[in-house]
Each structure stands twice: as C-alpha cells, then as structure tokens.
PDB file of N, CA and C in Angstrom:
ATOM      1  N   MET A   1      55.370  51.662 -80.814  1.00  0.00           N
ATOM      2  CA  MET A   1      55.354  50.962 -82.085  1.00  0.00           C
ATOM      3  C   MET A   1      53.964  51.038 -82.706  1.00  0.00           C
ATOM      4  N   THR A   2      53.939  51.270 -83.979  1.00  0.00           N
ATOM      5  CA  THR A   2      52.663  51.269 -84.675  1.00  0.00           C
ATOM      6  C   THR A   2      52.304  49.846 -85.093  1.00  0.00           C
ATOM      7  N   ALA A   3      51.093  49.653 -85.533  1.00  0.00           N
ATOM      8  CA  ALA A   3      50.638  48.323 -85.961  1.00  0.00           C
ATOM      9  C   ALA A   3      51.456  47.827 -87.149  1.00  0.00           C
ATOM     10  N   LYS A   4      51.850  48.748 -88.013  1.00  0.00           N
ATOM     11  CA  LYS A   4      52.641  48.364 -89.182  1.00  0.00           C
ATOM     12  C   LYS A   4      54.017  47.843 -88.762  1.00  0.00           C
ATOM     13  N   GLU A   5      54.630  48.483 -87.776  1.00  0.00           N
ATOM     14  CA  GLU A   5      55.933  48.045 -87.288  1.00  0.00           C
ATOM     15  C   GLU A   5      55.834  46.702 -86.590  1.00  0.00           C
ATOM     16  N   LYS A   6      54.746  46.476 -85.856  1.00  0.00           N
ATOM     17  CA  LYS A   6      54.556  45.193 -85.185  1.00  0.00           C
ATOM     18  C   LYS A   6      54.432  44.063 -86.193  1.00  0.00           C
ATOM     19  N   ASN A   7      53.686  44.280 -87.275  1.00  0.00           N
ATOM     20  CA  ASN A   7      53.529  43.259 -88.301  1.00  0.00           C
ATOM     21  C   ASN A   7      54.853  42.950 -88.983  1.00  0.00           C
ATOM     22  N   ALA A   8      55.681  43.961 -89.170  1.00  0.00           N
ATOM     23  CA  ALA A   8      56.973  43.751 -89.803  1.00  0.00           C
ATOM     24  C   ALA A   8      57.909  42.969 -88.887  1.00  0.00           C
ATOM     25  N   ALA A   9      57.726  43.096 -87.574  1.00  0.00           N
ATOM     26  CA  ALA A   9      58.602  42.429 -86.627  1.00  0.00           C
ATOM     27  C   ALA A   9      58.222  40.966 -86.401  1.00  0.00           C
ATOM     28  N   VAL A  10      57.027  40.558 -86.823  1.00  0.00           N
ATOM     29  CA  VAL A  10      56.575  39.190 -86.607  1.00  0.00           C
ATOM     30  C   VAL A  10      57.303  38.258 -87.567  1.00  0.00           C
ATOM     31  N   LYS A  11      57.925  37.223 -87.013  1.00  0.00           N
ATOM     32  CA  LYS A  11      58.668  36.262 -87.811  1.00  0.00           C
ATOM     33  C   LYS A  11      57.703  35.228 -88.378  1.00  0.00           C
ATOM     34  N   LYS A  12      57.828  34.928 -89.657  1.00  0.00           N
ATOM     35  CA  LYS A  12      56.980  33.945 -90.325  1.00  0.00           C
ATOM     36  C   LYS A  12      57.816  32.739 -90.735  1.00  0.00           C
ATOM     37  N   ILE A  13      57.197  31.577 -90.708  1.00  0.00           N
ATOM     38  CA  ILE A  13      57.854  30.370 -91.199  1.00  0.00           C
ATOM     39  C   ILE A  13      56.895  29.661 -92.149  1.00  0.00           C
ATOM     40  N   ARG A  14      57.473  28.945 -93.118  1.00  0.00           N
ATOM     41  CA  ARG A  14      56.671  28.195 -94.078  1.00  0.00           C
ATOM     42  C   ARG A  14      56.673  26.730 -93.671  1.00  0.00           C
ATOM     43  N   VAL A  15      55.474  26.146 -93.617  1.00  0.00           N
ATOM     44  CA  VAL A  15      55.319  24.748 -93.224  1.00  0.00           C
ATOM     45  C   VAL A  15      54.638  24.021 -94.379  1.00  0.00           C
ATOM     46  N   THR A  16      55.224  22.884 -94.792  1.00  0.00           N
ATOM     47  CA  THR A  16      54.687  22.085 -95.888  1.00  0.00           C
ATOM     48  C   THR A  16      54.407  20.685 -95.390  1.00  0.00           C
ATOM     49  N   LEU A  17      53.232  20.168 -95.694  1.00  0.00           N
ATOM     50  CA  LEU A  17      52.875  18.795 -95.344  1.00  0.00           C
ATOM     51  C   LEU A  17      53.471  17.872 -96.396  1.00  0.00           C
ATOM     52  N   VAL A  18      54.400  16.997 -95.997  1.00  0.00           N
ATOM     53  CA  VAL A  18      55.078  16.128 -96.953  1.00  0.00           C
ATOM     54  C   VAL A  18      54.577  14.692 -96.891  1.00  0.00           C
ATOM     55  N   LYS A  19      53.876  14.319 -95.839  1.00  0.00           N
ATOM     56  CA  LYS A  19      53.305  12.979 -95.724  1.00  0.00           C
ATOM     57  C   LYS A  19      51.828  13.108 -95.404  1.00  0.00           C
ATOM     58  N   GLY A  20      51.053  12.133 -95.810  1.00  0.00           N
ATOM     59  CA  GLY A  20      49.624  12.135 -95.526  1.00  0.00           C
ATOM     60  C   GLY A  20      49.347  11.837 -94.062  1.00  0.00           C
ATOM     61  N   THR A  21      48.123  12.125 -93.630  1.00  0.00           N
ATOM     62  CA  THR A  21      47.783  11.969 -92.217  1.00  0.00           C
ATOM     63  C   THR A  21      47.007  10.689 -91.929  1.00  0.00           C
ATOM     64  N   THR A  22      46.773   9.869 -92.940  1.00  0.00           N
ATOM     65  CA  THR A  22      46.117   8.590 -92.654  1.00  0.00           C
ATOM     66  C   THR A  22      47.069   7.731 -91.837  1.00  0.00           C
ATOM     67  N   GLN A  23      46.541   6.917 -90.985  1.00  0.00           N
ATOM     68  CA  GLN A  23      47.324   6.027 -90.115  1.00  0.00           C
ATOM     69  C   GLN A  23      48.184   6.807 -89.124  1.00  0.00           C
ATOM     70  N   THR A  24      47.753   8.018 -88.735  1.00  0.00           N
ATOM     71  CA  THR A  24      48.451   8.772 -87.695  1.00  0.00           C
ATOM     72  C   THR A  24      47.503   8.954 -86.521  1.00  0.00           C
ATOM     73  N   LEU A  25      48.040   9.372 -85.408  1.00  0.00           N
ATOM     74  CA  LEU A  25      47.223   9.601 -84.230  1.00  0.00           C
ATOM     75  C   LEU A  25      46.265  10.765 -84.450  1.00  0.00           C
ATOM     76  N   GLY A  26      45.118  10.705 -83.808  1.00  0.00           N
ATOM     77  CA  GLY A  26      44.119  11.760 -83.949  1.00  0.00           C
ATOM     78  C   GLY A  26      44.635  13.112 -83.520  1.00  0.00           C
ATOM     79  N   LYS A  27      45.415  13.154 -82.443  1.00  0.00           N
ATOM     80  CA  LYS A  27      45.966  14.433 -81.979  1.00  0.00           C
ATOM     81  C   LYS A  27      46.940  15.013 -83.001  1.00  0.00           C
ATOM     82  N   HIS A  28      47.643  14.154 -83.713  1.00  0.00           N
ATOM     83  CA  HIS A  28      48.567  14.638 -84.725  1.00  0.00           C
ATOM     84  C   HIS A  28      47.799  15.198 -85.915  1.00  0.00           C
ATOM     85  N   ARG A  29      46.689  14.549 -86.284  1.00  0.00           N
ATOM     86  CA  ARG A  29      45.845  15.080 -87.362  1.00  0.00           C
ATOM     87  C   ARG A  29      45.286  16.438 -86.971  1.00  0.00           C
ATOM     88  N   GLU A  30      44.925  16.596 -85.696  1.00  0.00           N
ATOM     89  CA  GLU A  30      44.405  17.883 -85.227  1.00  0.00           C
ATOM     90  C   GLU A  30      45.469  18.964 -85.276  1.00  0.00           C
ATOM     91  N   CYS A  31      46.721  18.617 -84.975  1.00  0.00           N
ATOM     92  CA  CYS A  31      47.817  19.591 -85.066  1.00  0.00           C
ATOM     93  C   CYS A  31      48.018  20.039 -86.509  1.00  0.00           C
ATOM     94  N   VAL A  32      47.969  19.093 -87.436  1.00  0.00           N
ATOM     95  CA  VAL A  32      48.123  19.434 -88.854  1.00  0.00           C
ATOM     96  C   VAL A  32      47.000  20.366 -89.284  1.00  0.00           C
ATOM     97  N   LYS A  33      45.777  20.062 -88.854  1.00  0.00           N
ATOM     98  CA  LYS A  33      44.633  20.908 -89.190  1.00  0.00           C
ATOM     99  C   LYS A  33      44.777  22.282 -88.537  1.00  0.00           C
ATOM    100  N   GLY A  34      45.286  22.322 -87.303  1.00  0.00           N
ATOM    101  CA  GLY A  34      45.492  23.581 -86.604  1.00  0.00           C
ATOM    102  C   GLY A  34      46.538  24.463 -87.264  1.00  0.00           C
ATOM    103  N   LEU A  35      47.492  23.845 -87.926  1.00  0.00           N
ATOM    104  CA  LEU A  35      48.501  24.601 -88.672  1.00  0.00           C
ATOM    105  C   LEU A  35      47.936  25.143 -89.981  1.00  0.00           C
ATOM    106  N   GLY A  36      46.765  24.659 -90.382  1.00  0.00           N
ATOM    107  CA  GLY A  36      46.142  25.138 -91.605  1.00  0.00           C
ATOM    108  C   GLY A  36      46.476  24.310 -92.826  1.00  0.00           C
ATOM    109  N   LEU A  37      47.083  23.147 -92.603  1.00  0.00           N
ATOM    110  CA  LEU A  37      47.454  22.279 -93.722  1.00  0.00           C
ATOM    111  C   LEU A  37      46.288  21.367 -94.068  1.00  0.00           C
ATOM    112  N   ARG A  38      46.006  21.221 -95.363  1.00  0.00           N
ATOM    113  CA  ARG A  38      44.837  20.460 -95.788  1.00  0.00           C
ATOM    114  C   ARG A  38      45.177  19.138 -96.462  1.00  0.00           C
ATOM    115  N   HIS A  39      46.197  19.128 -97.305  1.00  0.00           N
ATOM    116  CA  HIS A  39      46.541  17.919 -98.050  1.00  0.00           C
ATOM    117  C   HIS A  39      48.048  17.889 -98.272  1.00  0.00           C
ATOM    118  N   ARG A  40      48.547  16.776 -98.787  1.00  0.00           N
ATOM    119  CA  ARG A  40      49.984  16.667 -99.026  1.00  0.00           C
ATOM    120  C   ARG A  40      50.467  17.749 -99.982  1.00  0.00           C
ATOM    121  N   HIS A  41      51.661  18.220 -99.754  1.00  0.00           N
ATOM    122  CA  HIS A  41      52.325  19.257-100.550  1.00  0.00           C
ATOM    123  C   HIS A  41      51.635  20.615-100.447  1.00  0.00           C
ATOM    124  N   HIS A  42      50.786  20.798 -99.446  1.00  0.00           N
ATOM    125  CA  HIS A  42      50.158  22.086 -99.185  1.00  0.00           C
ATOM    126  C   HIS A  42      51.098  22.882 -98.284  1.00  0.00           C
ATOM    127  N   THR A  43      51.355  24.124 -98.614  1.00  0.00           N
ATOM    128  CA  THR A  43      52.266  24.980 -97.864  1.00  0.00           C
ATOM    129  C   THR A  43      51.503  26.162 -97.297  1.00  0.00           C
ATOM    130  N   VAL A  44      51.759  26.469 -96.027  1.00  0.00           N
ATOM    131  CA  VAL A  44      51.169  27.641 -95.394  1.00  0.00           C
ATOM    132  C   VAL A  44      52.275  28.441 -94.729  1.00  0.00           C
ATOM    133  N   GLU A  45      52.025  29.731 -94.538  1.00  0.00           N
ATOM    134  CA  GLU A  45      52.951  30.605 -93.840  1.00  0.00           C
ATOM    135  C   GLU A  45      52.299  30.986 -92.513  1.00  0.00           C
ATOM    136  N   VAL A  46      52.962  30.645 -91.402  1.00  0.00           N
ATOM    137  CA  VAL A  46      52.403  30.888 -90.072  1.00  0.00           C
ATOM    138  C   VAL A  46      53.387  31.712 -89.252  1.00  0.00           C
ATOM    139  N   GLU A  47      52.877  32.348 -88.202  1.00  0.00           N
ATOM    140  CA  GLU A  47      53.734  33.122 -87.304  1.00  0.00           C
ATOM    141  C   GLU A  47      54.583  32.160 -86.476  1.00  0.00           C
ATOM    142  N   ASP A  48      55.772  32.591 -86.156  1.00  0.00           N
ATOM    143  CA  ASP A  48      56.690  31.782 -85.361  1.00  0.00           C
ATOM    144  C   ASP A  48      56.442  32.066 -83.883  1.00  0.00           C
ATOM    145  N   THR A  49      55.499  31.331 -83.281  1.00  0.00           N
ATOM    146  CA  THR A  49      55.168  31.481 -81.871  1.00  0.00           C
ATOM    147  C   THR A  49      55.448  30.168 -81.151  1.00  0.00           C
ATOM    148  N   PRO A  50      55.552  30.182 -79.830  1.00  0.00           N
ATOM    149  CA  PRO A  50      55.803  28.943 -79.098  1.00  0.00           C
ATOM    150  C   PRO A  50      54.714  27.886 -79.306  1.00  0.00           C
ATOM    151  N   SER A  51      53.463  28.291 -79.425  1.00  0.00           N
ATOM    152  CA  SER A  51      52.395  27.308 -79.622  1.00  0.00           C
ATOM    153  C   SER A  51      52.488  26.655 -81.003  1.00  0.00           C
ATOM    154  N   ILE A  52      52.809  27.451 -82.013  1.00  0.00           N
ATOM    155  CA  ILE A  52      52.988  26.902 -83.361  1.00  0.00           C
ATOM    156  C   ILE A  52      54.192  25.976 -83.376  1.00  0.00           C
ATOM    157  N   ARG A  53      55.280  26.376 -82.716  1.00  0.00           N
ATOM    158  CA  ARG A  53      56.477  25.526 -82.640  1.00  0.00           C
ATOM    159  C   ARG A  53      56.162  24.185 -81.976  1.00  0.00           C
ATOM    160  N   GLY A  54      55.307  24.204 -80.948  1.00  0.00           N
ATOM    161  CA  GLY A  54      54.917  22.968 -80.282  1.00  0.00           C
ATOM    162  C   GLY A  54      54.158  22.045 -81.213  1.00  0.00           C
ATOM    163  N   MET A  55      53.252  22.610 -82.002  1.00  0.00           N
ATOM    164  CA  MET A  55      52.505  21.790 -82.970  1.00  0.00           C
ATOM    165  C   MET A  55      53.440  21.210 -84.027  1.00  0.00           C
ATOM    166  N   ILE A  56      54.388  22.022 -84.494  1.00  0.00           N
ATOM    167  CA  ILE A  56      55.337  21.554 -85.503  1.00  0.00           C
ATOM    168  C   ILE A  56      56.205  20.440 -84.929  1.00  0.00           C
ATOM    169  N   ASN A  57      56.652  20.588 -83.691  1.00  0.00           N
ATOM    170  CA  ASN A  57      57.475  19.552 -83.072  1.00  0.00           C
ATOM    171  C   ASN A  57      56.717  18.246 -82.921  1.00  0.00           C
ATOM    172  N   LYS A  58      55.427  18.324 -82.638  1.00  0.00           N
ATOM    173  CA  LYS A  58      54.624  17.115 -82.459  1.00  0.00           C
ATOM    174  C   LYS A  58      54.483  16.343 -83.767  1.00  0.00           C
ATOM    175  N   VAL A  59      54.378  17.044 -84.883  1.00  0.00           N
ATOM    176  CA  VAL A  59      54.183  16.381 -86.175  1.00  0.00           C
ATOM    177  C   VAL A  59      55.396  16.571 -87.091  1.00  0.00           C
ATOM    178  N   SER A  60      56.575  16.643 -86.514  1.00  0.00           N
ATOM    179  CA  SER A  60      57.783  16.908 -87.289  1.00  0.00           C
ATOM    180  C   SER A  60      58.059  15.833 -88.337  1.00  0.00           C
ATOM    181  N   TYR A  61      57.548  14.616 -88.122  1.00  0.00           N
ATOM    182  CA  TYR A  61      57.754  13.543 -89.088  1.00  0.00           C
ATOM    183  C   TYR A  61      56.826  13.667 -90.303  1.00  0.00           C
ATOM    184  N   LEU A  62      55.883  14.603 -90.252  1.00  0.00           N
ATOM    185  CA  LEU A  62      54.932  14.804 -91.346  1.00  0.00           C
ATOM    186  C   LEU A  62      55.182  16.081 -92.139  1.00  0.00           C
ATOM    187  N   VAL A  63      55.928  17.034 -91.575  1.00  0.00           N
ATOM    188  CA  VAL A  63      56.046  18.353 -92.184  1.00  0.00           C
ATOM    189  C   VAL A  63      57.502  18.722 -92.467  1.00  0.00           C
ATOM    190  N   LYS A  64      57.660  19.708 -93.361  1.00  0.00           N
ATOM    191  CA  LYS A  64      58.961  20.314 -93.651  1.00  0.00           C
ATOM    192  C   LYS A  64      58.833  21.785 -93.311  1.00  0.00           C
ATOM    193  N   VAL A  65      59.817  22.340 -92.601  1.00  0.00           N
ATOM    194  CA  VAL A  65      59.771  23.729 -92.161  1.00  0.00           C
ATOM    195  C   VAL A  65      60.881  24.503 -92.850  1.00  0.00           C
ATOM    196  N   GLU A  66      60.527  25.687 -93.354  1.00  0.00           N
ATOM    197  CA  GLU A  66      61.502  26.562 -94.019  1.00  0.00           C
ATOM    198  C   GLU A  66      61.452  27.936 -93.370  1.00  0.00           C
ATOM    199  N   GLY A  67      62.580  28.604 -93.344  1.00  0.00           N
ATOM    200  CA  GLY A  67      62.640  29.976 -92.849  1.00  0.00           C
ATOM    201  C   GLY A  67      62.733  30.087 -91.353  1.00  0.00           C
ATOM    202  N   GLU A  68      63.282  29.074 -90.700  1.00  0.00           N
ATOM    203  CA  GLU A  68      63.415  29.165 -89.247  1.00  0.00           C
ATOM    204  C   GLU A  68      64.707  29.871 -88.885  1.00  0.00           C
ATOM    205  N   ALA A  69      64.723  30.446 -87.714  1.00  0.00           N
ATOM    206  CA  ALA A  69      65.894  31.205 -87.262  1.00  0.00           C
ATOM    207  C   ALA A  69      66.938  30.288 -86.665  1.00  0.00           C
TER     208      ALA A  69
END
C-alpha cells in the first residue's frame, strides 16, 4: 500500500463540543483539549482510533459525534 492509499483507508469522524467544560472534572477537560476542541460549537475531524474513541466515551455527555460506523 502506498501512503496515499493508507490515508484514504483511515476512517474520520466529526466531533462537536455541545456543552461547555466549566464545572467538569479536570480529566474530562483534558480529554476535550486532547480531541482538539476549544470552545462550544467547535467541530474537529479526527481519526477513528481506539484511543480517540476512549476519549469520546469519557466525555460523551459534552460532545456530539457524526460519521461513526
């Protein structure tokens, strides 16, 4: 496989922060920051990996996920 084929095979998901992070646990704020989300209604596109899925599951009450399999 070439690098171009590998990039095409990587599954992406869109994550949107729908609630603010004030009054949340510090570890949850770190997960939101690790996902690349900065403020409410900010959307990022991330690779669908087990580590990203774990972060999303931890803060599922704060985010909306689109494009999952």
